[in-house]
Protein backbone atom coordinates (compact mmCIF):
# COMPACT_ATOMS: atom_id res chain seq x y z
CA UNK A 1 0.00 0.00 0.00
CA UNK A 2 1.33 3.44 -0.92
CA UNK A 3 0.69 6.20 1.61
CA UNK A 4 1.09 9.82 0.47
CA UNK A 5 1.19 12.93 2.63
CA UNK A 6 0.52 16.40 1.23
CA UNK A 7 1.12 20.00 2.35
CA UNK A 8 2.10 20.39 6.01
CA UNK A 9 1.38 16.72 6.72
CA UNK A 10 4.75 15.98 5.09
CA UNK A 11 6.44 17.85 7.93
CA UNK A 12 4.31 16.05 10.51
CA UNK A 13 5.46 12.65 9.25
CA UNK A 14 8.89 13.55 7.88
CA UNK A 15 8.09 12.10 4.47
CA UNK A 16 6.06 12.72 1.34
CA UNK A 17 5.16 9.07 0.83
CA UNK A 18 5.91 5.58 2.00
CA UNK A 19 5.17 1.97 1.13
CA UNK A 20 3.45 0.14 3.94
CA UNK A 21 2.34 -3.41 4.61
CA UNK A 22 -0.30 -2.65 7.21
CA UNK A 23 -0.59 -5.08 10.10
CA UNK A 24 -3.58 -7.44 10.34
CA UNK A 25 -6.72 -5.62 11.36
CA UNK A 26 -5.92 -2.45 9.42
CA UNK A 27 -8.71 -2.82 6.88
CA UNK A 28 -10.34 0.64 6.84
CA UNK A 29 -9.21 4.23 6.50
CA UNK A 30 -9.91 4.79 10.22
CA UNK A 31 -7.82 1.79 11.23
CA UNK A 32 -4.98 3.04 9.02
CA UNK A 33 -5.21 6.52 10.54
CA UNK A 34 -5.05 4.97 14.02
CA UNK A 35 -2.03 2.90 13.01
CA UNK A 36 -0.22 5.91 11.52
CA UNK A 37 -1.06 8.03 14.56
CA UNK A 38 0.86 5.50 16.63
CA UNK A 39 3.88 5.84 14.36
CA UNK A 40 3.82 9.64 14.00
CA UNK A 41 2.80 11.57 17.13
CA UNK A 42 2.59 14.87 15.23
CA UNK A 43 0.27 13.26 12.68
CA UNK A 44 -1.86 12.08 15.61
CA UNK A 45 -2.13 15.70 16.77
CA UNK A 46 -3.49 16.70 13.36
CA UNK A 47 -6.00 13.85 13.41
CA UNK A 48 -7.29 14.93 16.83
CA UNK A 49 -9.12 17.93 15.32
CA UNK A 50 -12.11 16.82 13.21
CA UNK A 51 -12.00 17.91 9.57
CA UNK A 52 -8.33 18.95 9.61
CA UNK A 53 -7.12 15.92 7.64
CA UNK A 54 -8.91 14.56 4.58
CA UNK A 55 -8.26 11.24 2.88
CA UNK A 56 -8.50 9.79 -0.61
CA UNK A 57 -8.20 6.15 -1.62
CA UNK A 58 -7.13 5.61 -5.20
CA UNK A 59 -7.79 9.31 -5.90
CA UNK A 60 -11.39 9.22 -4.61
CA UNK A 61 -12.43 11.01 -1.43
CA UNK A 62 -12.80 8.46 1.35
CA UNK A 63 -14.61 8.27 4.67
CA UNK A 64 -13.20 6.61 7.80
CA UNK A 65 -15.23 3.44 7.11
CA UNK A 66 -13.88 3.08 3.55
CA UNK A 67 -12.32 -0.39 3.18
CA UNK A 68 -8.69 -0.77 2.13
CA UNK A 69 -7.11 -3.42 -0.06
CA UNK A 70 -3.48 -4.34 -0.78
CA UNK A 71 -2.10 -2.14 -3.52
CA UNK A 72 -4.31 0.86 -2.71
CA UNK A 73 -2.92 4.38 -2.81
CA UNK A 74 -4.02 6.33 0.25
CA UNK A 75 -3.44 10.08 0.39
CA UNK A 76 -3.79 12.39 3.39
CA UNK A 77 -4.14 16.13 2.91
CA UNK A 78 -5.64 19.22 4.53
CA UNK A 79 -9.02 20.47 3.30
CA UNK A 80 -8.85 22.10 -0.10
CA UNK A 81 -10.37 25.54 -0.53
CA UNK A 82 -10.89 27.55 -3.68
CA UNK A 83 -10.72 31.22 -4.25
PDB file of N, CA and C in Angstrom:
ATOM      1  N   UNK A   1       0.853  -1.160   0.000  1.00  0.00           N
ATOM      2  CA  UNK A   1       0.000   0.000   0.000  1.00  0.00           C
ATOM      3  C   UNK A   1       0.909   1.237   0.000  1.00  0.00           C
ATOM      4  N   UNK A   2       0.564   2.187  -0.867  1.00  0.00           N
ATOM      5  CA  UNK A   2       1.331   3.438  -0.919  1.00  0.00           C
ATOM      6  C   UNK A   2       0.564   4.500  -0.133  1.00  0.00           C
ATOM      7  N   UNK A   3       1.263   5.134   0.803  1.00  0.00           N
ATOM      8  CA  UNK A   3       0.686   6.202   1.610  1.00  0.00           C
ATOM      9  C   UNK A   3       1.366   7.497   1.187  1.00  0.00           C
ATOM     10  N   UNK A   4       0.552   8.521   0.887  1.00  0.00           N
ATOM     11  CA  UNK A   4       1.092   9.820   0.469  1.00  0.00           C
ATOM     12  C   UNK A   4       0.595  10.894   1.431  1.00  0.00           C
ATOM     13  N   UNK A   5       1.494  11.832   1.728  1.00  0.00           N
ATOM     14  CA  UNK A   5       1.189  12.935   2.634  1.00  0.00           C
ATOM     15  C   UNK A   5       1.405  14.246   1.879  1.00  0.00           C
ATOM     16  N   UNK A   6       0.435  15.142   1.961  1.00  0.00           N
ATOM     17  CA  UNK A   6       0.519  16.402   1.227  1.00  0.00           C
ATOM     18  C   UNK A   6       0.547  17.592   2.183  1.00  0.00           C
ATOM     19  N   UNK A   7       1.061  18.716   1.650  1.00  0.00           N
ATOM     20  CA  UNK A   7       1.118  19.997   2.351  1.00  0.00           C
ATOM     21  C   UNK A   7       1.876  19.818   3.671  1.00  0.00           C
ATOM     22  N   UNK A   8       1.376  20.416   4.742  1.00  0.00           N
ATOM     23  CA  UNK A   8       2.095  20.395   6.010  1.00  0.00           C
ATOM     24  C   UNK A   8       2.095  19.020   6.673  1.00  0.00           C
ATOM     25  N   UNK A   9       1.329  18.072   6.161  1.00  0.00           N
ATOM     26  CA  UNK A   9       1.379  16.724   6.721  1.00  0.00           C
ATOM     27  C   UNK A   9       2.715  16.048   6.417  1.00  0.00           C
ATOM     28  N   UNK A  10       3.397  16.497   5.367  1.00  0.00           N
ATOM     29  CA  UNK A  10       4.746  15.983   5.085  1.00  0.00           C
ATOM     30  C   UNK A  10       5.682  16.274   6.253  1.00  0.00           C
ATOM     31  N   UNK A  11       5.595  17.495   6.805  1.00  0.00           N
ATOM     32  CA  UNK A  11       6.442  17.852   7.930  1.00  0.00           C
ATOM     33  C   UNK A  11       6.056  17.063   9.186  1.00  0.00           C
ATOM     34  N   UNK A  12       4.772  16.783   9.331  1.00  0.00           N
ATOM     35  CA  UNK A  12       4.312  16.052  10.511  1.00  0.00           C
ATOM     36  C   UNK A  12       4.815  14.615  10.514  1.00  0.00           C
ATOM     37  N   UNK A  13       5.015  14.043   9.343  1.00  0.00           N
ATOM     38  CA  UNK A  13       5.463  12.649   9.251  1.00  0.00           C
ATOM     39  C   UNK A  13       6.933  12.527   8.868  1.00  0.00           C
ATOM     40  N   UNK A  14       7.493  13.600   8.323  1.00  0.00           N
ATOM     41  CA  UNK A  14       8.886  13.552   7.884  1.00  0.00           C
ATOM     42  C   UNK A  14       9.078  12.895   6.534  1.00  0.00           C
ATOM     43  N   UNK A  15       7.982  12.730   5.793  1.00  0.00           N
ATOM     44  CA  UNK A  15       8.092  12.104   4.470  1.00  0.00           C
ATOM     45  C   UNK A  15       6.918  12.508   3.582  1.00  0.00           C
ATOM     46  N   UNK A  16       7.120  12.418   2.299  1.00  0.00           N
ATOM     47  CA  UNK A  16       6.063  12.724   1.341  1.00  0.00           C
ATOM     48  C   UNK A  16       5.239  11.484   1.022  1.00  0.00           C
ATOM     49  N   UNK A  17       5.878  10.327   1.082  1.00  0.00           N
ATOM     50  CA  UNK A  17       5.164   9.074   0.826  1.00  0.00           C
ATOM     51  C   UNK A  17       5.946   7.918   1.406  1.00  0.00           C
ATOM     52  N   UNK A  18       5.271   6.798   1.511  1.00  0.00           N
ATOM     53  CA  UNK A  18       5.908   5.580   1.996  1.00  0.00           C
ATOM     54  C   UNK A  18       5.124   4.371   1.508  1.00  0.00           C
ATOM     55  N   UNK A  19       5.807   3.255   1.417  1.00  0.00           N
ATOM     56  CA  UNK A  19       5.173   1.974   1.129  1.00  0.00           C
ATOM     57  C   UNK A  19       4.958   1.292   2.472  1.00  0.00           C
ATOM     58  N   UNK A  20       3.787   0.715   2.652  1.00  0.00           N
ATOM     59  CA  UNK A  20       3.447   0.143   3.943  1.00  0.00           C
ATOM     60  C   UNK A  20       2.694  -1.164   3.754  1.00  0.00           C
ATOM     61  N   UNK A  21       3.114  -2.175   4.478  1.00  0.00           N
ATOM     62  CA  UNK A  21       2.337  -3.405   4.607  1.00  0.00           C
ATOM     63  C   UNK A  21       1.626  -3.288   5.942  1.00  0.00           C
ATOM     64  N   UNK A  22       0.377  -2.860   5.933  1.00  0.00           N
ATOM     65  CA  UNK A  22      -0.301  -2.652   7.212  1.00  0.00           C
ATOM     66  C   UNK A  22      -0.458  -3.960   7.980  1.00  0.00           C
ATOM     67  N   UNK A  23      -0.424  -3.872   9.294  1.00  0.00           N
ATOM     68  CA  UNK A  23      -0.594  -5.084  10.096  1.00  0.00           C
ATOM     69  C   UNK A  23      -2.017  -5.623   9.979  1.00  0.00           C
ATOM     70  N   UNK A  24      -2.226  -6.875  10.359  1.00  0.00           N
ATOM     71  CA  UNK A  24      -3.580  -7.437  10.341  1.00  0.00           C
ATOM     72  C   UNK A  24      -4.530  -6.555  11.151  1.00  0.00           C
ATOM     73  N   UNK A  25      -5.730  -6.434  10.671  1.00  0.00           N
ATOM     74  CA  UNK A  25      -6.718  -5.616  11.364  1.00  0.00           C
ATOM     75  C   UNK A  25      -6.821  -4.205  10.830  1.00  0.00           C
ATOM     76  N   UNK A  26      -5.856  -3.788  10.031  1.00  0.00           N
ATOM     77  CA  UNK A  26      -5.924  -2.453   9.422  1.00  0.00           C
ATOM     78  C   UNK A  26      -6.601  -2.620   8.068  1.00  0.00           C
ATOM     79  N   UNK A  27      -7.931  -2.539   8.080  1.00  0.00           N
ATOM     80  CA  UNK A  27      -8.710  -2.818   6.876  1.00  0.00           C
ATOM     81  C   UNK A  27      -9.590  -1.658   6.443  1.00  0.00           C
ATOM     82  N   UNK A  28      -9.552  -0.549   7.194  1.00  0.00           N
ATOM     83  CA  UNK A  28     -10.335   0.637   6.840  1.00  0.00           C
ATOM     84  C   UNK A  28      -9.452   1.872   6.956  1.00  0.00           C
ATOM     85  N   UNK A  29      -9.934   2.968   6.401  1.00  0.00           N
ATOM     86  CA  UNK A  29      -9.206   4.233   6.504  1.00  0.00           C
ATOM     87  C   UNK A  29      -9.001   4.595   7.973  1.00  0.00           C
ATOM     88  N   UNK A  30     -10.038   4.449   8.798  1.00  0.00           N
ATOM     89  CA  UNK A  30      -9.905   4.793  10.223  1.00  0.00           C
ATOM     90  C   UNK A  30      -8.842   3.952  10.905  1.00  0.00           C
ATOM     91  N   UNK A  31      -8.821   2.668  10.625  1.00  0.00           N
ATOM     92  CA  UNK A  31      -7.816   1.791  11.230  1.00  0.00           C
ATOM     93  C   UNK A  31      -6.416   2.187  10.772  1.00  0.00           C
ATOM     94  N   UNK A  32      -6.276   2.585   9.516  1.00  0.00           N
ATOM     95  CA  UNK A  32      -4.983   3.038   9.024  1.00  0.00           C
ATOM     96  C   UNK A  32      -4.580   4.337   9.711  1.00  0.00           C
ATOM     97  N   UNK A  33      -5.520   5.262   9.859  1.00  0.00           N
ATOM     98  CA  UNK A  33      -5.206   6.517  10.538  1.00  0.00           C
ATOM     99  C   UNK A  33      -4.766   6.240  11.977  1.00  0.00           C
ATOM    100  N   UNK A  34      -5.433   5.334  12.659  1.00  0.00           N
ATOM    101  CA  UNK A  34      -5.049   4.974  14.023  1.00  0.00           C
ATOM    102  C   UNK A  34      -3.638   4.379  14.053  1.00  0.00           C
ATOM    103  N   UNK A  35      -3.351   3.515  13.099  1.00  0.00           N
ATOM    104  CA  UNK A  35      -2.026   2.898  13.009  1.00  0.00           C
ATOM    105  C   UNK A  35      -0.946   3.961  12.771  1.00  0.00           C
ATOM    106  N   UNK A  36      -1.199   4.858  11.821  1.00  0.00           N
ATOM    107  CA  UNK A  36      -0.221   5.905  11.516  1.00  0.00           C
ATOM    108  C   UNK A  36      -0.066   6.883  12.674  1.00  0.00           C
ATOM    109  N   UNK A  37      -1.143   7.139  13.398  1.00  0.00           N
ATOM    110  CA  UNK A  37      -1.064   8.026  14.564  1.00  0.00           C
ATOM    111  C   UNK A  37      -0.112   7.451  15.610  1.00  0.00           C
ATOM    112  N   UNK A  38      -0.073   6.134  15.714  1.00  0.00           N
ATOM    113  CA  UNK A  38       0.859   5.502  16.635  1.00  0.00           C
ATOM    114  C   UNK A  38       2.303   5.610  16.191  1.00  0.00           C
ATOM    115  N   UNK A  39       2.522   5.720  14.910  1.00  0.00           N
ATOM    116  CA  UNK A  39       3.880   5.841  14.360  1.00  0.00           C
ATOM    117  C   UNK A  39       4.381   7.277  14.343  1.00  0.00           C
ATOM    118  N   UNK A  40       3.454   8.227  14.155  1.00  0.00           N
ATOM    119  CA  UNK A  40       3.817   9.636  14.003  1.00  0.00           C
ATOM    120  C   UNK A  40       3.007  10.488  14.972  1.00  0.00           C
ATOM    121  N   UNK A  41       3.545  10.797  16.141  1.00  0.00           N
ATOM    122  CA  UNK A  41       2.796  11.574  17.130  1.00  0.00           C
ATOM    123  C   UNK A  41       2.288  12.922  16.609  1.00  0.00           C
ATOM    124  N   UNK A  42       3.043  13.585  15.753  1.00  0.00           N
ATOM    125  CA  UNK A  42       2.585  14.873  15.235  1.00  0.00           C
ATOM    126  C   UNK A  42       1.445  14.703  14.233  1.00  0.00           C
ATOM    127  N   UNK A  43       1.404  13.584  13.547  1.00  0.00           N
ATOM    128  CA  UNK A  43       0.272  13.259  12.679  1.00  0.00           C
ATOM    129  C   UNK A  43      -0.957  12.996  13.556  1.00  0.00           C
ATOM    130  N   UNK A  44      -0.763  12.326  14.673  1.00  0.00           N
ATOM    131  CA  UNK A  44      -1.856  12.075  15.611  1.00  0.00           C
ATOM    132  C   UNK A  44      -2.462  13.383  16.094  1.00  0.00           C
ATOM    133  N   UNK A  45      -1.622  14.392  16.348  1.00  0.00           N
ATOM    134  CA  UNK A  45      -2.126  15.699  16.765  1.00  0.00           C
ATOM    135  C   UNK A  45      -3.049  16.291  15.708  1.00  0.00           C
ATOM    136  N   UNK A  46      -2.665  16.172  14.452  1.00  0.00           N
ATOM    137  CA  UNK A  46      -3.487  16.701  13.361  1.00  0.00           C
ATOM    138  C   UNK A  46      -4.807  15.953  13.263  1.00  0.00           C
ATOM    139  N   UNK A  47      -4.782  14.655  13.497  1.00  0.00           N
ATOM    140  CA  UNK A  47      -6.004  13.854  13.413  1.00  0.00           C
ATOM    141  C   UNK A  47      -6.968  14.141  14.560  1.00  0.00           C
ATOM    142  N   UNK A  48      -6.458  14.685  15.650  1.00  0.00           N
ATOM    143  CA  UNK A  48      -7.293  14.928  16.829  1.00  0.00           C
ATOM    144  C   UNK A  48      -8.372  15.982  16.574  1.00  0.00           C
ATOM    145  N   UNK A  49      -8.138  16.884  15.632  1.00  0.00           N
ATOM    146  CA  UNK A  49      -9.121  17.930  15.324  1.00  0.00           C
ATOM    147  C   UNK A  49      -9.960  17.478  14.130  1.00  0.00           C
ATOM    148  N   UNK A  50     -11.257  17.290  14.310  1.00  0.00           N
ATOM    149  CA  UNK A  50     -12.112  16.825  13.209  1.00  0.00           C
ATOM    150  C   UNK A  50     -12.055  17.757  11.991  1.00  0.00           C
ATOM    151  N   UNK A  51     -11.965  17.153  10.811  1.00  0.00           N
ATOM    152  CA  UNK A  51     -11.996  17.914   9.569  1.00  0.00           C
ATOM    153  C   UNK A  51     -10.678  18.525   9.141  1.00  0.00           C
ATOM    154  N   UNK A  52      -9.617  18.346   9.946  1.00  0.00           N
ATOM    155  CA  UNK A  52      -8.328  18.952   9.607  1.00  0.00           C
ATOM    156  C   UNK A  52      -7.594  18.117   8.560  1.00  0.00           C
ATOM    157  N   UNK A  53      -7.787  16.814   8.580  1.00  0.00           N
ATOM    158  CA  UNK A  53      -7.117  15.918   7.640  1.00  0.00           C
ATOM    159  C   UNK A  53      -8.177  15.207   6.812  1.00  0.00           C
ATOM    160  N   UNK A  54      -8.024  15.277   5.507  1.00  0.00           N
ATOM    161  CA  UNK A  54      -8.909  14.559   4.575  1.00  0.00           C
ATOM    162  C   UNK A  54      -8.140  13.365   4.027  1.00  0.00           C
ATOM    163  N   UNK A  55      -8.871  12.446   3.413  1.00  0.00           N
ATOM    164  CA  UNK A  55      -8.262  11.237   2.883  1.00  0.00           C
ATOM    165  C   UNK A  55      -8.869  10.902   1.527  1.00  0.00           C
ATOM    166  N   UNK A  56      -8.033  10.339   0.668  1.00  0.00           N
ATOM    167  CA  UNK A  56      -8.497   9.793  -0.606  1.00  0.00           C
ATOM    168  C   UNK A  56      -7.888   8.403  -0.765  1.00  0.00           C
ATOM    169  N   UNK A  57      -8.679   7.495  -1.295  1.00  0.00           N
ATOM    170  CA  UNK A  57      -8.199   6.152  -1.616  1.00  0.00           C
ATOM    171  C   UNK A  57      -8.322   5.996  -3.117  1.00  0.00           C
ATOM    172  N   UNK A  58      -7.187   5.735  -3.747  1.00  0.00           N
ATOM    173  CA  UNK A  58      -7.132   5.611  -5.205  1.00  0.00           C
ATOM    174  C   UNK A  58      -7.755   6.838  -5.887  1.00  0.00           C
ATOM    175  N   UNK A  59      -7.409   8.016  -5.357  1.00  0.00           N
ATOM    176  CA  UNK A  59      -7.785   9.315  -5.900  1.00  0.00           C
ATOM    177  C   UNK A  59      -9.282   9.614  -5.807  1.00  0.00           C
ATOM    178  N   UNK A  60      -9.971   8.950  -4.885  1.00  0.00           N
ATOM    179  CA  UNK A  60     -11.386   9.215  -4.614  1.00  0.00           C
ATOM    180  C   UNK A  60     -11.507   9.575  -3.138  1.00  0.00           C
ATOM    181  N   UNK A  61     -12.229  10.663  -2.837  1.00  0.00           N
ATOM    182  CA  UNK A  61     -12.433  11.008  -1.435  1.00  0.00           C
ATOM    183  C   UNK A  61     -12.941   9.794  -0.675  1.00  0.00           C
ATOM    184  N   UNK A  62     -12.447   9.627   0.554  1.00  0.00           N
ATOM    185  CA  UNK A  62     -12.801   8.456   1.347  1.00  0.00           C
ATOM    186  C   UNK A  62     -13.237   8.876   2.747  1.00  0.00           C
ATOM    187  N   UNK A  63     -14.135   8.093   3.298  1.00  0.00           N
ATOM    188  CA  UNK A  63     -14.612   8.269   4.668  1.00  0.00           C
ATOM    189  C   UNK A  63     -13.857   7.307   5.575  1.00  0.00           C
ATOM    190  N   UNK A  64     -13.912   7.513   6.886  1.00  0.00           N
ATOM    191  CA  UNK A  64     -13.203   6.608   7.799  1.00  0.00           C
ATOM    192  C   UNK A  64     -13.578   5.132   7.635  1.00  0.00           C
ATOM    193  N   UNK A  65     -14.800   4.840   7.257  1.00  0.00           N
ATOM    194  CA  UNK A  65     -15.230   3.440   7.112  1.00  0.00           C
ATOM    195  C   UNK A  65     -14.863   2.825   5.761  1.00  0.00           C
ATOM    196  N   UNK A  66     -14.257   3.599   4.870  1.00  0.00           N
ATOM    197  CA  UNK A  66     -13.882   3.078   3.547  1.00  0.00           C
ATOM    198  C   UNK A  66     -12.921   1.900   3.702  1.00  0.00           C
ATOM    199  N   UNK A  67     -13.225   0.762   3.078  1.00  0.00           N
ATOM    200  CA  UNK A  67     -12.324  -0.390   3.182  1.00  0.00           C
ATOM    201  C   UNK A  67     -11.056  -0.180   2.367  1.00  0.00           C
ATOM    202  N   UNK A  68      -9.987  -0.825   2.810  1.00  0.00           N
ATOM    203  CA  UNK A  68      -8.691  -0.766   2.126  1.00  0.00           C
ATOM    204  C   UNK A  68      -8.315  -2.153   1.638  1.00  0.00           C
ATOM    205  N   UNK A  69      -7.592  -2.167   0.508  1.00  0.00           N
ATOM    206  CA  UNK A  69      -7.107  -3.424  -0.060  1.00  0.00           C
ATOM    207  C   UNK A  69      -5.612  -3.295  -0.356  1.00  0.00           C
ATOM    208  N   UNK A  70      -4.894  -4.404  -0.398  1.00  0.00           N
ATOM    209  CA  UNK A  70      -3.483  -4.341  -0.780  1.00  0.00           C
ATOM    210  C   UNK A  70      -3.345  -3.646  -2.138  1.00  0.00           C
ATOM    211  N   UNK A  71      -2.347  -2.830  -2.271  1.00  0.00           N
ATOM    212  CA  UNK A  71      -2.096  -2.135  -3.525  1.00  0.00           C
ATOM    213  C   UNK A  71      -2.793  -0.791  -3.634  1.00  0.00           C
ATOM    214  N   UNK A  72      -3.641  -0.441  -2.673  1.00  0.00           N
ATOM    215  CA  UNK A  72      -4.313   0.858  -2.705  1.00  0.00           C
ATOM    216  C   UNK A  72      -3.307   1.990  -2.522  1.00  0.00           C
ATOM    217  N   UNK A  73      -3.655   3.141  -3.081  1.00  0.00           N
ATOM    218  CA  UNK A  73      -2.924   4.378  -2.807  1.00  0.00           C
ATOM    219  C   UNK A  73      -3.816   5.202  -1.883  1.00  0.00           C
ATOM    220  N   UNK A  74      -3.275   5.560  -0.733  1.00  0.00           N
ATOM    221  CA  UNK A  74      -4.020   6.333   0.253  1.00  0.00           C
ATOM    222  C   UNK A  74      -3.300   7.665   0.432  1.00  0.00           C
ATOM    223  N   UNK A  75      -4.031   8.757   0.272  1.00  0.00           N
ATOM    224  CA  UNK A  75      -3.444  10.084   0.388  1.00  0.00           C
ATOM    225  C   UNK A  75      -4.114  10.837   1.527  1.00  0.00           C
ATOM    226  N   UNK A  76      -3.303  11.540   2.310  1.00  0.00           N
ATOM    227  CA  UNK A  76      -3.788  12.394   3.394  1.00  0.00           C
ATOM    228  C   UNK A  76      -3.418  13.831   3.076  1.00  0.00           C
ATOM    229  N   UNK A  77      -4.369  14.737   3.263  1.00  0.00           N
ATOM    230  CA  UNK A  77      -4.136  16.132   2.911  1.00  0.00           C
ATOM    231  C   UNK A  77      -5.078  17.019   3.719  1.00  0.00           C
ATOM    232  N   UNK A  78      -4.721  18.294   3.868  1.00  0.00           N
ATOM    233  CA  UNK A  78      -5.637  19.225   4.530  1.00  0.00           C
ATOM    234  C   UNK A  78      -6.801  19.558   3.611  1.00  0.00           C
ATOM    235  N   UNK A  79      -7.885  20.092   4.164  1.00  0.00           N
ATOM    236  CA  UNK A  79      -9.022  20.467   3.304  1.00  0.00           C
ATOM    237  C   UNK A  79      -8.580  21.432   2.198  1.00  0.00           C
ATOM    238  N   UNK A  80      -9.180  21.274   1.058  1.00  0.00           N
ATOM    239  CA  UNK A  80      -8.853  22.102  -0.099  1.00  0.00           C
ATOM    240  C   UNK A  80      -9.910  23.205  -0.203  1.00  0.00           C
ATOM    241  N   UNK A  81      -9.445  24.428  -0.367  1.00  0.00           N
ATOM    242  CA  UNK A  81     -10.366  25.542  -0.534  1.00  0.00           C
ATOM    243  C   UNK A  81     -10.064  26.228  -1.849  1.00  0.00           C
ATOM    244  N   UNK A  82     -11.070  26.823  -2.420  1.00  0.00           N
ATOM    245  CA  UNK A  82     -10.893  27.553  -3.678  1.00  0.00           C
ATOM    246  C   UNK A  82     -10.993  29.045  -3.430  1.00  0.00           C
ATOM    247  N   UNK A  83     -10.677  29.782  -4.450  1.00  0.00           N
ATOM    248  CA  UNK A  83     -10.722  31.217  -4.249  1.00  0.00           C
ATOM    249  C   UNK A  83     -11.058  31.951  -5.498  1.00  0.00           C
TER     250      UNK A  83
END
